[in-house]
Amino acid sequence: MAGNSFGKLFRLTTFGESHGPAIGGVVDGCPSGIAFDFEFIRTEMRRRKPGQSKIVTQRKEHDEVEFLSGIFEGKTTGAPIGFLIRNTDARSSDYDALKEVYRPSHADYTYDAKFGFRDYRGGGRSSARETACRVVGGAIAKMILAHHKIKVQAWVSQVGHLTIDKDYSKLDLSRSESNMIRCPDAVVAQQMIALIESVRKEGDTVGGVVSALIEGVQPGLGEPVFDRLHADLGKAMLSINAVKGFDYGSGFDAPGMRGSQHNDAFVPAGNANKIATLTNNSGGIQGGISNGEDIYFRVAFKPVATIIRKQTTVNRKGQAVEMMGKGRHDPCVVPRAVSVVEAMAALVILDHLLRAKALRTDTDS
């Protein structure tokens, strides 16, 4: 199985399955001498871990990270950072009845078609359990980006039909962590929570949108033609389980606009060395390269495929059967996906920052 690594200069490789003894990863390309904040890692992991509230899966994993290499006397050494996260609350017996059954909208059939074999326990490698490793890599990336005054923040902007009808600049994003849904609008947040609780009682699931903002990115990040910054952000987001769509800046609103409405006029930004734009329909990226404005994007998540309702499907012999989901699953994935979206965005930005520095011929930092 290929495709388990992400990034070029700052590279994350993950391994492990949902119901195996552990998951883990290796972060390569981390600069040396970075003060390592273990408590920050724990905080980021708590934001993603299961069992954190009544509206997420009740699987109980502590998600404590064991670092095996690359850190000495509280600082990164420049060597690969190896880490391990042990699985402590897997209930593989919940999946015994599904051994020969293809669950609708899961990776069961496609894994069998590709590999001729699959780990049916919670989806194995296809499980969203793997994203815990991404949060570790993203947290390390965030530590380094903080030295460059770059901040990555995401929040839930939609659940089902409920959405925040405000521009991100009108929101107090510091309030996103004040409620279990991670929505900065307190009124809409309570409506979202009520909707998820109602859907869960029905044995069903609901989708949503995670919005994200990256502030402090310097102009010049991105590698045309095929490694455009927004293309790499799109790939990063679309690699997350349950993601069905990605747009940035004006996104899918752009087709309904005229060029005269959509163009971002350039203006001086206070001194001769700075340029800004009056609007930000470009989402901070033009020609695949950052322009110094806020980078803003949205990520659409489908309803979780496992529902506690009877469904028709087929087994491995192609025979029609009836099944019902079992186990502990999220009725809506977006509250826990916020940290994963941030992590993947941080990985992309840091990778491009290091690539930009490698290409510079002057002495600027």
Protein backbone atom coordinates (compact mmCIF):
# COMPACT_ATOMS: atom_id res chain seq x y z
CA MET A 1 0.00 0.00 0.00
CA ALA A 2 1.53 3.27 -1.13
CA GLY A 3 0.37 6.82 -0.41
CA ASN A 4 1.01 6.95 3.34
CA SER A 5 3.27 10.03 3.25
CA PHE A 6 2.39 13.70 2.82
CA GLY A 7 4.66 16.68 2.10
CA LYS A 8 8.02 17.20 0.44
CA LEU A 9 10.46 19.00 2.77
CA PHE A 10 8.31 18.68 5.88
CA ARG A 11 6.95 15.17 5.54
CA LEU A 12 4.50 13.12 7.61
CA THR A 13 4.23 9.34 7.22
CA THR A 14 1.55 7.49 9.19
CA PHE A 15 0.92 3.83 9.92
CA GLY A 16 -1.49 1.59 11.81
CA GLU A 17 -5.11 0.47 11.80
CA SER A 18 -8.17 1.38 13.82
CA HIS A 19 -8.27 -1.89 15.76
CA GLY A 20 -4.59 -2.77 15.74
CA PRO A 21 -2.38 -2.39 18.82
CA ALA A 22 -1.35 1.15 17.88
CA ILE A 23 -1.19 3.84 15.25
CA GLY A 24 1.75 6.16 14.75
CA GLY A 25 3.94 8.13 12.43
CA VAL A 26 7.23 9.71 11.49
CA VAL A 27 7.76 13.43 10.92
CA ASP A 28 10.79 14.08 8.73
CA GLY A 29 12.30 17.43 7.81
CA CYS A 30 11.63 19.16 11.12
CA PRO A 31 14.18 21.94 11.73
CA SER A 32 16.45 21.46 14.73
CA GLY A 33 16.43 23.52 17.90
CA ILE A 34 12.66 24.04 18.10
CA ALA A 35 11.42 24.06 21.71
CA PHE A 36 9.01 21.12 21.92
CA ASP A 37 5.75 21.83 23.74
CA PHE A 38 4.40 18.46 24.93
CA GLU A 39 1.37 20.07 26.59
CA PHE A 40 0.40 21.72 23.30
CA ILE A 41 0.45 18.28 21.68
CA ARG A 42 -1.89 16.98 24.39
CA THR A 43 -4.24 19.94 23.92
CA GLU A 44 -4.46 19.37 20.18
CA MET A 45 -5.08 15.65 20.67
CA ARG A 46 -7.89 16.34 23.16
CA ARG A 47 -9.66 18.41 20.48
CA ARG A 48 -9.78 15.41 18.13
CA LYS A 49 -10.09 12.44 20.47
CA PRO A 50 -13.28 10.36 20.68
CA GLY A 51 -15.58 10.43 23.69
CA GLN A 52 -15.05 14.14 24.37
CA SER A 53 -18.76 15.07 24.38
CA LYS A 54 -22.26 13.64 23.97
CA ILE A 55 -22.40 14.50 20.25
CA VAL A 56 -19.40 12.41 19.15
CA THR A 57 -18.47 8.73 19.18
CA GLN A 58 -18.24 7.29 22.69
CA ARG A 59 -15.14 5.21 22.01
CA LYS A 60 -12.76 6.09 24.85
CA GLU A 61 -9.18 6.63 23.72
CA HIS A 62 -6.76 8.66 25.81
CA ASP A 63 -4.66 9.37 22.72
CA GLU A 64 -1.48 9.87 24.69
CA VAL A 65 1.45 10.28 22.30
CA GLU A 66 4.71 8.44 22.94
CA PHE A 67 7.64 10.16 21.22
CA LEU A 68 10.38 7.74 20.27
CA SER A 69 13.00 9.89 18.54
CA GLY A 70 13.97 13.31 17.25
CA ILE A 71 13.64 15.18 20.58
CA PHE A 72 16.43 15.71 23.10
CA GLU A 73 16.47 17.95 26.17
CA GLY A 74 13.14 19.48 25.16
CA LYS A 75 14.19 20.47 21.64
CA THR A 76 13.98 18.97 18.17
CA THR A 77 17.28 17.51 16.95
CA GLY A 78 16.57 17.63 13.22
CA ALA A 79 16.31 13.82 13.12
CA PRO A 80 13.04 12.07 12.22
CA ILE A 81 10.45 12.38 14.99
CA GLY A 82 8.88 8.97 15.56
CA PHE A 83 5.71 8.67 17.65
CA LEU A 84 3.20 6.07 18.76
CA ILE A 85 -0.46 6.26 19.87
CA ARG A 86 -1.72 3.06 21.44
CA ASN A 87 -5.29 1.86 20.82
CA THR A 88 -6.84 1.02 24.19
CA ASP A 89 -10.62 0.82 23.63
CA ALA A 90 -11.14 -1.06 20.37
CA ARG A 91 -14.11 -3.45 20.34
CA SER A 92 -13.39 -5.62 17.33
CA SER A 93 -16.29 -7.97 18.13
CA ASP A 94 -18.68 -5.19 17.05
CA TYR A 95 -17.58 -5.90 13.48
CA ASP A 96 -17.72 -9.72 13.45
CA ALA A 97 -21.10 -9.74 11.70
CA LEU A 98 -19.71 -7.45 8.97
CA LYS A 99 -16.77 -9.66 8.01
CA GLU A 100 -18.40 -10.75 4.74
CA VAL A 101 -20.60 -7.68 4.20
CA TYR A 102 -19.90 -4.49 2.26
CA ARG A 103 -21.19 -1.52 4.22
CA PRO A 104 -22.84 1.16 2.02
CA SER A 105 -20.59 4.17 1.25
CA HIS A 106 -17.61 2.68 3.14
CA ALA A 107 -14.27 1.57 1.71
CA ASP A 108 -15.07 -2.13 2.27
CA TYR A 109 -15.73 -3.03 -1.36
CA THR A 110 -13.03 -0.83 -2.88
CA TYR A 111 -10.35 -2.17 -0.50
CA ASP A 112 -11.34 -5.72 -1.42
CA ALA A 113 -11.32 -4.83 -5.11
CA LYS A 114 -7.84 -3.31 -4.87
CA PHE A 115 -6.06 -5.59 -2.39
CA GLY A 116 -8.12 -8.77 -2.44
CA PHE A 117 -8.14 -8.62 1.35
CA ARG A 118 -9.25 -6.16 4.01
CA ASP A 119 -9.24 -5.53 7.73
CA TYR A 120 -12.97 -5.37 8.45
CA ARG A 121 -12.48 -4.24 12.09
CA GLY A 122 -13.62 -0.63 11.99
CA GLY A 123 -12.35 -0.24 8.44
CA GLY A 124 -8.72 -0.90 9.32
CA ARG A 125 -6.48 1.58 7.53
CA SER A 126 -9.45 3.41 5.98
CA SER A 127 -10.75 4.40 9.43
CA ALA A 128 -10.68 8.04 10.54
CA ARG A 129 -8.68 6.79 13.53
CA GLU A 130 -5.62 7.43 11.34
CA THR A 131 -6.26 11.18 11.50
CA ALA A 132 -4.97 11.24 15.09
CA CYS A 133 -1.49 10.89 13.57
CA ARG A 134 -2.15 13.88 11.34
CA VAL A 135 -3.00 15.99 14.39
CA VAL A 136 0.39 15.13 15.91
CA GLY A 137 2.21 16.15 12.73
CA GLY A 138 0.09 19.27 12.39
CA ALA A 139 0.72 20.29 16.00
CA ILE A 140 4.49 20.09 15.40
CA ALA A 141 4.02 22.19 12.25
CA LYS A 142 2.00 24.74 14.25
CA MET A 143 4.85 25.07 16.77
CA ILE A 144 7.21 26.05 13.97
CA LEU A 145 4.71 28.32 12.20
CA ALA A 146 4.21 30.23 15.47
CA HIS A 147 7.84 31.35 15.23
CA HIS A 148 6.89 32.95 11.90
CA LYS A 149 3.73 34.50 13.37
CA ILE A 150 1.51 32.30 11.19
CA LYS A 151 -1.76 31.15 12.77
CA VAL A 152 -4.12 28.42 11.53
CA GLN A 153 -7.65 28.33 12.92
CA ALA A 154 -10.75 26.37 11.88
CA TRP A 155 -14.34 26.26 13.08
CA VAL A 156 -17.69 24.63 12.29
CA SER A 157 -19.69 26.92 10.03
CA GLN A 158 -22.48 24.53 8.99
CA VAL A 159 -24.30 21.41 10.21
CA GLY A 160 -27.04 20.09 7.97
CA HIS A 161 -29.19 23.05 6.92
CA LEU A 162 -27.91 25.25 9.78
CA THR A 163 -25.21 27.72 8.79
CA ILE A 164 -23.48 30.86 10.08
CA ASP A 165 -24.67 33.66 7.85
CA LYS A 166 -21.71 35.97 8.54
CA ASP A 167 -18.33 36.68 6.97
CA TYR A 168 -15.44 35.29 9.01
CA SER A 169 -14.22 38.84 9.67
CA LYS A 170 -17.44 39.50 11.62
CA LEU A 171 -16.96 36.46 13.90
CA ASP A 172 -15.12 36.21 17.20
CA LEU A 173 -13.19 33.06 16.34
CA SER A 174 -11.77 32.86 19.86
CA ARG A 175 -15.21 31.58 20.90
CA SER A 176 -14.98 28.49 18.68
CA GLU A 177 -13.68 26.34 21.54
CA SER A 178 -16.35 27.58 23.97
CA ASN A 179 -18.87 24.91 22.97
CA MET A 180 -18.80 21.21 22.01
CA ILE A 181 -19.65 21.85 18.34
CA ARG A 182 -16.78 24.35 17.89
CA CYS A 183 -18.95 27.04 16.32
CA PRO A 184 -18.09 30.69 17.16
CA ASP A 185 -21.75 31.81 16.98
CA ALA A 186 -23.28 30.78 20.33
CA VAL A 187 -26.89 30.85 19.11
CA VAL A 188 -26.24 28.81 15.98
CA ALA A 189 -24.02 26.45 17.99
CA GLN A 190 -26.91 25.45 20.27
CA GLN A 191 -29.13 24.86 17.26
CA MET A 192 -26.45 22.66 15.69
CA ILE A 193 -26.04 20.63 18.89
CA ALA A 194 -29.81 20.10 19.12
CA LEU A 195 -29.90 18.94 15.49
CA ILE A 196 -27.08 16.42 16.00
CA GLU A 197 -28.75 15.04 19.14
CA SER A 198 -32.04 14.65 17.25
CA VAL A 199 -30.34 12.92 14.30
CA ARG A 200 -28.48 10.56 16.63
CA LYS A 201 -31.71 9.48 18.35
CA GLU A 202 -33.08 8.60 14.91
CA GLY A 203 -30.08 6.34 14.29
CA ASP A 204 -29.01 8.63 11.47
CA THR A 205 -26.13 11.02 10.73
CA VAL A 206 -25.69 14.53 9.32
CA GLY A 207 -22.93 16.36 7.43
CA GLY A 208 -21.43 19.80 7.80
CA VAL A 209 -18.78 22.33 6.82
CA VAL A 210 -15.54 23.29 8.52
CA SER A 211 -14.20 26.73 7.59
CA ALA A 212 -10.57 27.71 8.10
CA LEU A 213 -8.44 30.83 8.22
CA ILE A 214 -4.66 31.10 7.89
CA GLU A 215 -3.24 34.45 8.99
CA GLY A 216 0.26 35.87 8.69
CA VAL A 217 1.37 34.02 5.55
CA GLN A 218 3.98 35.98 3.63
CA PRO A 219 3.60 36.61 -0.10
CA GLY A 220 5.38 34.10 -2.31
CA LEU A 221 4.43 30.64 -0.99
CA GLY A 222 3.38 28.14 -3.64
CA GLU A 223 5.05 26.32 -6.51
CA PRO A 224 3.38 26.64 -9.93
CA VAL A 225 2.35 24.84 -11.99
CA PHE A 226 1.34 21.56 -10.34
CA ASP A 227 2.19 22.42 -6.72
CA ARG A 228 0.04 25.53 -6.46
CA LEU A 229 -0.66 26.44 -2.86
CA HIS A 230 -4.42 26.06 -3.20
CA ALA A 231 -3.97 22.76 -5.06
CA ASP A 232 -1.91 21.35 -2.19
CA LEU A 233 -4.43 22.65 0.34
CA GLY A 234 -7.19 21.01 -1.69
CA LYS A 235 -5.35 17.69 -1.80
CA ALA A 236 -4.70 17.88 1.94
CA MET A 237 -8.37 18.46 2.73
CA LEU A 238 -9.70 15.90 0.26
CA SER A 239 -7.43 13.28 1.83
CA ILE A 240 -9.40 13.56 5.09
CA ASN A 241 -12.06 10.91 5.68
CA ALA A 242 -15.62 11.91 4.70
CA VAL A 243 -14.59 15.09 2.84
CA LYS A 244 -16.67 15.72 -0.29
CA GLY A 245 -15.65 19.24 -1.27
CA PHE A 246 -13.13 22.07 -0.92
CA ASP A 247 -13.26 25.69 -2.01
CA TYR A 248 -11.22 28.78 -1.18
CA GLY A 249 -11.85 32.50 -1.36
CA SER A 250 -15.02 33.17 -3.33
CA GLY A 251 -15.13 29.47 -4.26
CA PHE A 252 -18.37 28.33 -5.84
CA ASP A 253 -19.83 31.84 -5.52
CA ALA A 254 -17.36 33.06 -8.17
CA PRO A 255 -19.31 31.78 -11.21
CA GLY A 256 -22.22 34.06 -10.27
CA MET A 257 -20.03 37.20 -10.21
CA ARG A 258 -18.74 39.58 -12.87
CA GLY A 259 -15.03 40.22 -13.25
CA SER A 260 -15.58 43.80 -12.10
CA GLN A 261 -17.04 42.44 -8.87
CA HIS A 262 -14.55 39.67 -8.33
CA ASN A 263 -11.23 41.42 -8.99
CA ASP A 264 -9.23 42.28 -5.86
CA ALA A 265 -7.83 45.79 -6.35
CA PHE A 266 -4.25 46.32 -5.12
CA VAL A 267 -3.56 49.21 -2.73
CA PRO A 268 -0.52 50.42 -0.75
CA ALA A 269 -0.45 48.91 2.73
CA GLY A 270 1.17 51.63 4.80
CA ASN A 271 4.69 51.63 3.42
CA ALA A 272 6.53 51.25 0.13
CA ASN A 273 7.38 47.61 0.75
CA LYS A 274 3.87 46.37 1.44
CA ILE A 275 0.92 45.77 -0.87
CA ALA A 276 -2.62 44.80 0.11
CA THR A 277 -5.96 44.20 -1.61
CA LEU A 278 -9.24 45.97 -0.99
CA THR A 279 -11.19 42.70 -1.14
CA ASN A 280 -10.15 39.08 -0.79
CA ASN A 281 -12.14 37.06 -3.30
CA SER A 282 -8.84 35.37 -4.19
CA GLY A 283 -8.70 33.85 -0.71
CA GLY A 284 -5.10 34.99 -0.23
CA ILE A 285 -3.81 33.02 -3.23
CA GLN A 286 -3.29 34.25 -6.81
CA GLY A 287 -1.66 32.20 -9.54
CA GLY A 288 -1.18 29.44 -7.00
CA ILE A 289 1.02 31.71 -4.84
CA SER A 290 0.16 33.44 -1.56
CA ASN A 291 -0.29 37.22 -1.83
CA GLY A 292 -0.03 38.08 1.87
CA GLU A 293 -3.76 38.34 2.55
CA ASP A 294 -5.71 35.96 4.76
CA ILE A 295 -6.05 32.47 3.29
CA TYR A 296 -9.65 31.38 3.74
CA PHE A 297 -11.24 28.09 2.70
CA ARG A 298 -14.11 25.69 3.42
CA VAL A 299 -14.26 21.92 3.66
CA ALA A 300 -17.50 19.98 3.16
CA PHE A 301 -18.03 16.72 5.08
CA LYS A 302 -20.64 14.12 4.16
CA PRO A 303 -22.91 12.46 6.73
CA VAL A 304 -21.05 9.61 8.43
CA ALA A 305 -21.69 6.41 6.45
CA THR A 306 -22.44 4.19 9.47
CA ILE A 307 -26.06 4.57 10.51
CA ILE A 308 -27.96 2.53 13.10
CA ARG A 309 -30.70 1.62 10.67
CA LYS A 310 -31.39 -1.38 8.47
CA GLN A 311 -29.92 -1.06 4.98
CA THR A 312 -29.77 -3.33 1.96
CA THR A 313 -26.33 -4.21 0.58
CA VAL A 314 -24.40 -7.22 -0.72
CA ASN A 315 -21.87 -9.63 0.72
CA ARG A 316 -18.53 -10.69 -0.75
CA LYS A 317 -20.32 -13.26 -2.92
CA GLY A 318 -22.49 -10.54 -4.45
CA GLN A 319 -25.62 -11.77 -2.72
CA ALA A 320 -28.20 -9.26 -1.50
CA VAL A 321 -28.33 -9.02 2.30
CA GLU A 322 -29.70 -6.73 4.98
CA MET A 323 -27.49 -5.12 7.61
CA MET A 324 -27.53 -2.60 10.43
CA GLY A 325 -24.61 -0.55 11.67
CA LYS A 326 -23.17 -1.42 15.04
CA GLY A 327 -20.49 0.10 17.24
CA ARG A 328 -19.65 3.61 18.38
CA HIS A 329 -19.74 6.23 15.66
CA ASP A 330 -20.01 10.00 15.26
CA PRO A 331 -23.50 11.23 14.30
CA CYS A 332 -21.65 14.22 12.79
CA VAL A 333 -17.92 14.30 12.15
CA VAL A 334 -17.29 18.06 12.01
CA PRO A 335 -16.71 18.83 15.73
CA ARG A 336 -13.66 16.52 15.78
CA ALA A 337 -12.66 17.30 12.19
CA VAL A 338 -11.80 20.91 13.08
CA SER A 339 -8.43 19.88 14.53
CA VAL A 340 -7.69 17.63 11.53
CA VAL A 341 -8.41 20.45 9.06
CA GLU A 342 -6.07 22.73 11.01
CA ALA A 343 -3.39 20.05 11.10
CA MET A 344 -3.44 19.41 7.38
CA ALA A 345 -3.40 23.14 6.62
CA ALA A 346 -0.40 23.63 8.92
CA LEU A 347 1.46 20.78 7.21
CA VAL A 348 0.91 22.39 3.79
CA ILE A 349 1.89 25.91 4.84
CA LEU A 350 5.04 24.81 6.67
CA ASP A 351 6.12 22.59 3.79
CA HIS A 352 5.77 25.50 1.35
CA LEU A 353 7.47 27.89 3.77
CA LEU A 354 10.50 25.60 3.95
CA ARG A 355 10.49 25.21 0.17
CA ALA A 356 10.40 28.98 -0.28
CA LYS A 357 13.33 29.42 2.10
CA ALA A 358 15.32 26.77 0.25
CA LEU A 359 14.90 28.74 -2.99
CA ARG A 360 15.79 32.17 -1.60
CA THR A 361 19.12 33.63 -2.67
CA ASP A 362 19.08 36.72 -0.44
CA THR A 363 19.64 36.95 3.32
CA ASP A 364 16.05 37.68 4.33
CA SER A 365 14.57 35.40 6.99
